[in-house]
Amino acid sequence: MKFNNIHSCHIGPEISPEQFIPEHFFLYLLSGSMIAYDGKNSYSMKPGDYCIARKNHLVRYTKFRQDDSFEKIIITLDEPFLRNFQTRHPLKVEAVANDNSFLFVPETKFISNYIRSLEPYYNGDLQIDETFADVKREELLLILLKSDKQLANVLFNYSIPDKLDLEEFMLRNFRFNVSMDRFAFLTGRSLSAFKRDFKTIFNEAPRRWLMKKRLEEAHFLIQKQHRKPADIYIDLGFEDLSHFSFAFKKTFGKAPTEVTSVN
């Protein structure tokens, strides 16, 4: 559905720009398209699609503009807001087995009507007037829970990640550019326990192992899959091309552009 007068906006606390979701948020795509990857699954979205992005997950996004436009609405459902909501609307919460990073909500006319209702509350910088922000967040949450009661089991679960298989987790997620603190938290460990367990399993410090693993992956992608350095360095956790090229040459003795592709 096309919303000609609706543009990108954000309601609630800002979301971290890193590849980690610290709080649940509702995402509605207005224009353009998007593919997200969480280390296991890929998720695609087109205009009119909406979902819940779940907290404590690693996610990488690829955005595609349509007619030079990529517009989205993000509404953060942070823990303080959710706890406050729960005091007014007591809900039974059960354990949930689904660990998908994105939960797509069943389509309902209430959502499209809700998105349209945001327009009068925009202020000059495409933000929702703070006077009405929590009111509109509560309205959205009531709509979501009416559409799918099982969402309560996800949104109102305030537990921290359990201790999990460190080796399996790191081999699946080494490409994500997040801090050691994040990796430790997501594996259910303190930072010191994470470093100690990591050393026991991999016989290397985490930073050294991550750099080595990412560069080995880069070499494989360039040589075997004929990928260009400029197309892969961000997906492998490097923040800029020059740093990637310097580290690559230091490790392999030649620049990424000098690696000969082979079948």
Protein backbone atom coordinates (compact mmCIF):
# COMPACT_ATOMS: atom_id res chain seq x y z
CA MET A 1 0.00 0.00 0.00
CA LYS A 2 1.36 3.41 -0.97
CA PHE A 3 1.56 6.23 1.57
CA ASN A 4 2.43 9.32 -0.43
CA ASN A 5 2.66 11.70 2.52
CA ILE A 6 4.41 9.40 5.00
CA HIS A 7 8.20 9.50 5.29
CA SER A 8 10.84 7.86 7.45
CA CYS A 9 10.45 8.41 11.15
CA HIS A 10 11.51 6.93 14.45
CA ILE A 11 9.48 6.65 17.65
CA GLY A 12 11.15 5.76 20.93
CA PRO A 13 14.83 5.43 21.88
CA GLU A 14 17.29 5.32 18.99
CA ILE A 15 18.54 1.94 17.78
CA SER A 16 22.27 1.20 17.90
CA PRO A 17 23.92 1.51 14.46
CA GLU A 18 26.04 -1.60 15.04
CA GLN A 19 25.08 -5.07 13.84
CA PHE A 20 23.31 -5.89 17.08
CA ILE A 21 19.68 -5.35 18.08
CA PRO A 22 19.65 -4.15 21.72
CA GLU A 23 15.87 -3.63 21.92
CA HIS A 24 12.84 -4.98 20.07
CA PHE A 25 11.58 -2.71 17.33
CA PHE A 26 8.73 -2.62 14.85
CA LEU A 27 9.81 -1.99 11.26
CA TYR A 28 7.47 -0.90 8.45
CA LEU A 29 9.00 -0.49 4.99
CA LEU A 30 7.51 2.39 3.01
CA SER A 31 9.72 2.36 -0.09
CA GLY A 32 12.75 0.48 -1.40
CA SER A 33 13.55 -3.07 -0.35
CA MET A 34 15.79 -4.78 2.16
CA ILE A 35 17.51 -8.09 2.82
CA ALA A 36 18.69 -8.96 6.33
CA TYR A 37 20.91 -11.84 7.45
CA ASP A 38 21.39 -13.09 11.02
CA GLY A 39 24.06 -15.75 10.52
CA LYS A 40 21.47 -18.48 9.90
CA ASN A 41 18.54 -17.09 7.97
CA SER A 42 17.89 -14.40 5.36
CA TYR A 43 14.84 -12.16 5.50
CA SER A 44 13.56 -9.99 2.66
CA MET A 45 11.17 -7.05 2.81
CA LYS A 46 9.40 -4.95 0.20
CA PRO A 47 7.16 -1.87 0.53
CA GLY A 48 4.18 -2.58 2.76
CA ASP A 49 5.94 -5.37 4.69
CA TYR A 50 6.34 -5.08 8.44
CA CYS A 51 7.87 -7.14 11.21
CA ILE A 52 9.26 -7.23 14.73
CA ALA A 53 13.07 -7.21 14.93
CA ARG A 54 14.02 -9.09 18.09
CA LYS A 55 16.43 -7.85 20.72
CA ASN A 56 19.73 -9.63 21.44
CA HIS A 57 20.23 -10.77 17.85
CA LEU A 58 22.99 -10.08 15.34
CA VAL A 59 21.70 -8.79 12.02
CA ARG A 60 23.28 -7.33 8.88
CA TYR A 61 21.16 -5.30 6.46
CA THR A 62 21.42 -4.65 2.73
CA LYS A 63 19.15 -1.83 1.59
CA PHE A 64 18.02 -1.16 -1.97
CA ARG A 65 16.61 2.17 -3.05
CA GLN A 66 13.60 2.47 -5.33
CA ASP A 67 13.55 5.63 -7.47
CA ASP A 68 16.34 6.92 -5.20
CA SER A 69 14.14 6.38 -2.15
CA PHE A 70 14.39 4.17 0.93
CA GLU A 71 11.81 5.07 3.55
CA LYS A 72 10.97 3.18 6.73
CA ILE A 73 9.21 3.60 10.04
CA ILE A 74 10.95 2.27 13.13
CA ILE A 75 9.19 2.15 16.49
CA THR A 76 11.32 0.97 19.38
CA LEU A 77 9.68 -1.27 21.96
CA ASP A 78 12.32 -0.97 24.66
CA GLU A 79 12.21 -2.79 27.97
CA PRO A 80 11.18 0.18 30.19
CA PHE A 81 8.25 0.91 27.87
CA LEU A 82 7.25 -2.78 27.76
CA ARG A 83 7.41 -3.16 31.53
CA ASN A 84 5.27 -0.05 31.96
CA PHE A 85 2.78 -1.39 29.41
CA GLN A 86 2.63 -4.72 31.22
CA THR A 87 1.64 -3.08 34.50
CA ARG A 88 -1.46 -1.69 32.78
CA HIS A 89 -2.17 -4.73 30.62
CA PRO A 90 -1.26 -7.93 32.54
CA LEU A 91 -0.43 -10.72 30.13
CA LYS A 92 0.44 -14.38 30.54
CA VAL A 93 3.91 -15.07 29.17
CA GLU A 94 5.19 -18.50 28.21
CA ALA A 95 8.47 -19.85 26.88
CA VAL A 96 8.96 -19.52 23.14
CA ALA A 97 10.98 -21.88 20.95
CA ASN A 98 11.15 -19.67 17.84
CA ASP A 99 14.48 -17.86 17.78
CA ASN A 100 14.11 -16.07 14.43
CA SER A 101 15.56 -12.57 14.40
CA PHE A 102 12.56 -11.17 12.50
CA LEU A 103 8.95 -12.05 13.23
CA PHE A 104 6.50 -11.18 10.49
CA VAL A 105 3.12 -10.18 11.88
CA PRO A 106 -0.09 -11.40 10.20
CA GLU A 107 -1.50 -8.79 7.83
CA THR A 108 -4.29 -6.66 9.21
CA LYS A 109 -6.00 -3.45 8.11
CA PHE A 110 -5.27 -2.04 11.58
CA ILE A 111 -1.57 -1.72 10.74
CA SER A 112 -2.08 0.21 7.49
CA ASN A 113 -4.59 2.46 9.24
CA TYR A 114 -2.12 2.96 12.07
CA ILE A 115 0.70 3.95 9.71
CA ARG A 116 -1.61 6.45 8.04
CA SER A 117 -2.57 7.85 11.44
CA LEU A 118 1.03 8.88 12.17
CA GLU A 119 1.05 11.66 9.57
CA PRO A 120 -0.62 14.38 11.70
CA TYR A 121 1.95 13.86 14.47
CA TYR A 122 5.06 14.52 12.38
CA ASN A 123 7.03 17.58 13.36
CA GLY A 124 9.47 19.42 11.12
CA ASP A 125 12.32 16.88 11.31
CA LEU A 126 10.13 13.87 10.48
CA GLN A 127 10.00 12.79 14.11
CA ILE A 128 6.79 12.14 15.99
CA ASP A 129 5.88 14.85 18.50
CA GLU A 130 7.16 13.56 21.87
CA THR A 131 3.84 14.46 23.49
CA PHE A 132 2.18 11.65 21.57
CA ALA A 133 5.10 9.22 21.13
CA ASP A 134 4.25 6.78 23.95
CA VAL A 135 0.54 7.00 23.17
CA LYS A 136 1.22 5.94 19.57
CA ARG A 137 3.62 3.22 20.73
CA GLU A 138 0.98 1.80 23.06
CA GLU A 139 -1.61 1.89 20.29
CA LEU A 140 0.75 -0.06 18.01
CA LEU A 141 1.50 -2.65 20.67
CA LEU A 142 -2.19 -3.25 21.32
CA ILE A 143 -2.72 -3.77 17.58
CA LEU A 144 0.21 -6.18 17.35
CA LEU A 145 -0.96 -8.27 20.31
CA LYS A 146 -4.48 -8.39 18.92
CA SER A 147 -3.05 -9.65 15.60
CA ASP A 148 -0.80 -12.26 17.21
CA LYS A 149 -1.15 -13.06 20.92
CA GLN A 150 2.03 -15.18 20.78
CA LEU A 151 4.08 -11.99 20.40
CA ALA A 152 3.67 -11.44 24.13
CA ASN A 153 5.93 -14.44 24.74
CA VAL A 154 8.70 -12.67 22.82
CA LEU A 155 8.22 -9.04 23.76
CA PHE A 156 7.74 -9.55 27.50
CA ASN A 157 10.56 -12.02 27.98
CA TYR A 158 13.24 -10.01 29.79
CA SER A 159 15.75 -12.81 30.30
CA ILE A 160 19.33 -12.52 29.15
CA PRO A 161 20.89 -15.04 26.73
CA ASP A 162 21.71 -18.47 28.16
CA LYS A 163 25.21 -19.87 28.08
CA LEU A 164 25.62 -21.62 24.75
CA ASP A 165 28.10 -23.47 22.57
CA LEU A 166 30.84 -20.88 22.06
CA GLU A 167 32.57 -22.65 19.18
CA GLU A 168 29.39 -23.11 17.15
CA PHE A 169 28.30 -19.53 17.81
CA MET A 170 31.60 -17.93 16.77
CA LEU A 171 32.01 -20.03 13.63
CA ARG A 172 28.55 -18.88 12.56
CA ASN A 173 28.88 -15.23 13.57
CA PHE A 174 32.54 -14.21 13.14
CA ARG A 175 31.63 -11.90 10.25
CA PHE A 176 29.58 -9.56 12.44
CA ASN A 177 31.27 -6.32 13.42
CA VAL A 178 30.42 -6.07 17.12
CA SER A 179 32.46 -5.65 20.27
CA MET A 180 33.87 -8.41 22.47
CA ASP A 181 31.37 -7.34 25.11
CA ARG A 182 28.53 -8.10 22.69
CA PHE A 183 29.92 -11.50 21.77
CA ALA A 184 30.36 -12.32 25.45
CA PHE A 185 26.80 -11.24 26.31
CA LEU A 186 25.25 -13.18 23.44
CA THR A 187 27.05 -16.37 24.48
CA GLY A 188 25.82 -15.99 28.06
CA ARG A 189 29.20 -15.12 29.59
CA SER A 190 31.01 -12.32 31.32
CA LEU A 191 33.79 -10.80 29.24
CA SER A 192 36.48 -12.51 31.30
CA ALA A 193 34.74 -15.90 31.04
CA PHE A 194 34.26 -15.39 27.30
CA LYS A 195 37.99 -14.71 26.79
CA ARG A 196 38.97 -17.65 28.97
CA ASP A 197 36.62 -20.11 27.25
CA PHE A 198 37.60 -18.76 23.84
CA LYS A 199 41.29 -19.33 24.52
CA THR A 200 40.56 -22.90 25.66
CA ILE A 201 38.53 -23.72 22.53
CA PHE A 202 40.45 -21.90 19.79
CA ASN A 203 43.90 -21.62 21.40
CA GLU A 204 43.98 -17.93 20.42
CA ALA A 205 42.76 -14.62 21.79
CA PRO A 206 39.39 -13.55 20.33
CA ARG A 207 40.63 -10.49 18.43
CA ARG A 208 43.50 -12.35 16.80
CA TRP A 209 41.23 -15.26 15.85
CA LEU A 210 38.54 -12.96 14.44
CA MET A 211 41.04 -11.10 12.26
CA LYS A 212 42.58 -14.34 10.99
CA LYS A 213 39.19 -15.95 10.32
CA ARG A 214 37.83 -12.91 8.47
CA LEU A 215 40.93 -12.58 6.32
CA GLU A 216 40.91 -16.29 5.45
CA GLU A 217 37.29 -15.92 4.39
CA ALA A 218 38.18 -12.85 2.32
CA HIS A 219 41.00 -14.72 0.55
CA PHE A 220 38.63 -17.58 -0.28
CA LEU A 221 35.94 -15.25 -1.63
CA ILE A 222 38.40 -13.32 -3.80
CA GLN A 223 40.34 -16.30 -5.13
CA LYS A 224 37.65 -18.96 -5.43
CA GLN A 225 34.46 -16.96 -5.93
CA HIS A 226 35.99 -14.03 -7.84
CA ARG A 227 34.53 -11.44 -5.47
CA LYS A 228 35.84 -7.88 -5.45
CA PRO A 229 37.45 -6.57 -2.23
CA ALA A 230 35.20 -3.51 -2.23
CA ASP A 231 32.13 -5.75 -2.26
CA ILE A 232 33.06 -7.95 0.70
CA TYR A 233 35.02 -6.02 3.32
CA ILE A 234 31.96 -4.65 5.16
CA ASP A 235 30.24 -8.04 5.21
CA LEU A 236 33.36 -9.48 6.81
CA GLY A 237 33.36 -7.06 9.73
CA PHE A 238 35.84 -4.44 8.47
CA GLU A 239 34.87 -0.79 8.83
CA ASP A 240 36.85 0.59 5.89
CA LEU A 241 38.54 -0.71 2.77
CA SER A 242 41.98 0.69 3.54
CA HIS A 243 42.15 -1.11 6.90
CA PHE A 244 41.01 -4.34 5.24
CA SER A 245 43.60 -4.01 2.46
CA PHE A 246 46.41 -3.26 4.95
CA ALA A 247 45.55 -6.26 7.15
CA PHE A 248 45.15 -8.53 4.10
CA LYS A 249 48.56 -7.59 2.68
CA LYS A 250 50.23 -7.96 6.07
CA THR A 251 48.85 -11.50 6.36
CA PHE A 252 49.18 -12.80 2.79
CA GLY A 253 52.03 -10.69 1.44
CA LYS A 254 49.98 -9.12 -1.35
CA ALA A 255 47.08 -6.72 -1.67
CA PRO A 256 43.58 -8.14 -2.16
CA THR A 257 43.57 -6.79 -5.72
CA GLU A 258 46.75 -8.77 -6.47
CA VAL A 259 45.24 -12.16 -5.60
CA THR A 260 44.81 -14.31 -8.69
CA SER A 261 41.35 -15.81 -9.06
CA VAL A 262 41.21 -19.56 -9.62
CA ASN A 263 38.38 -21.98 -10.28
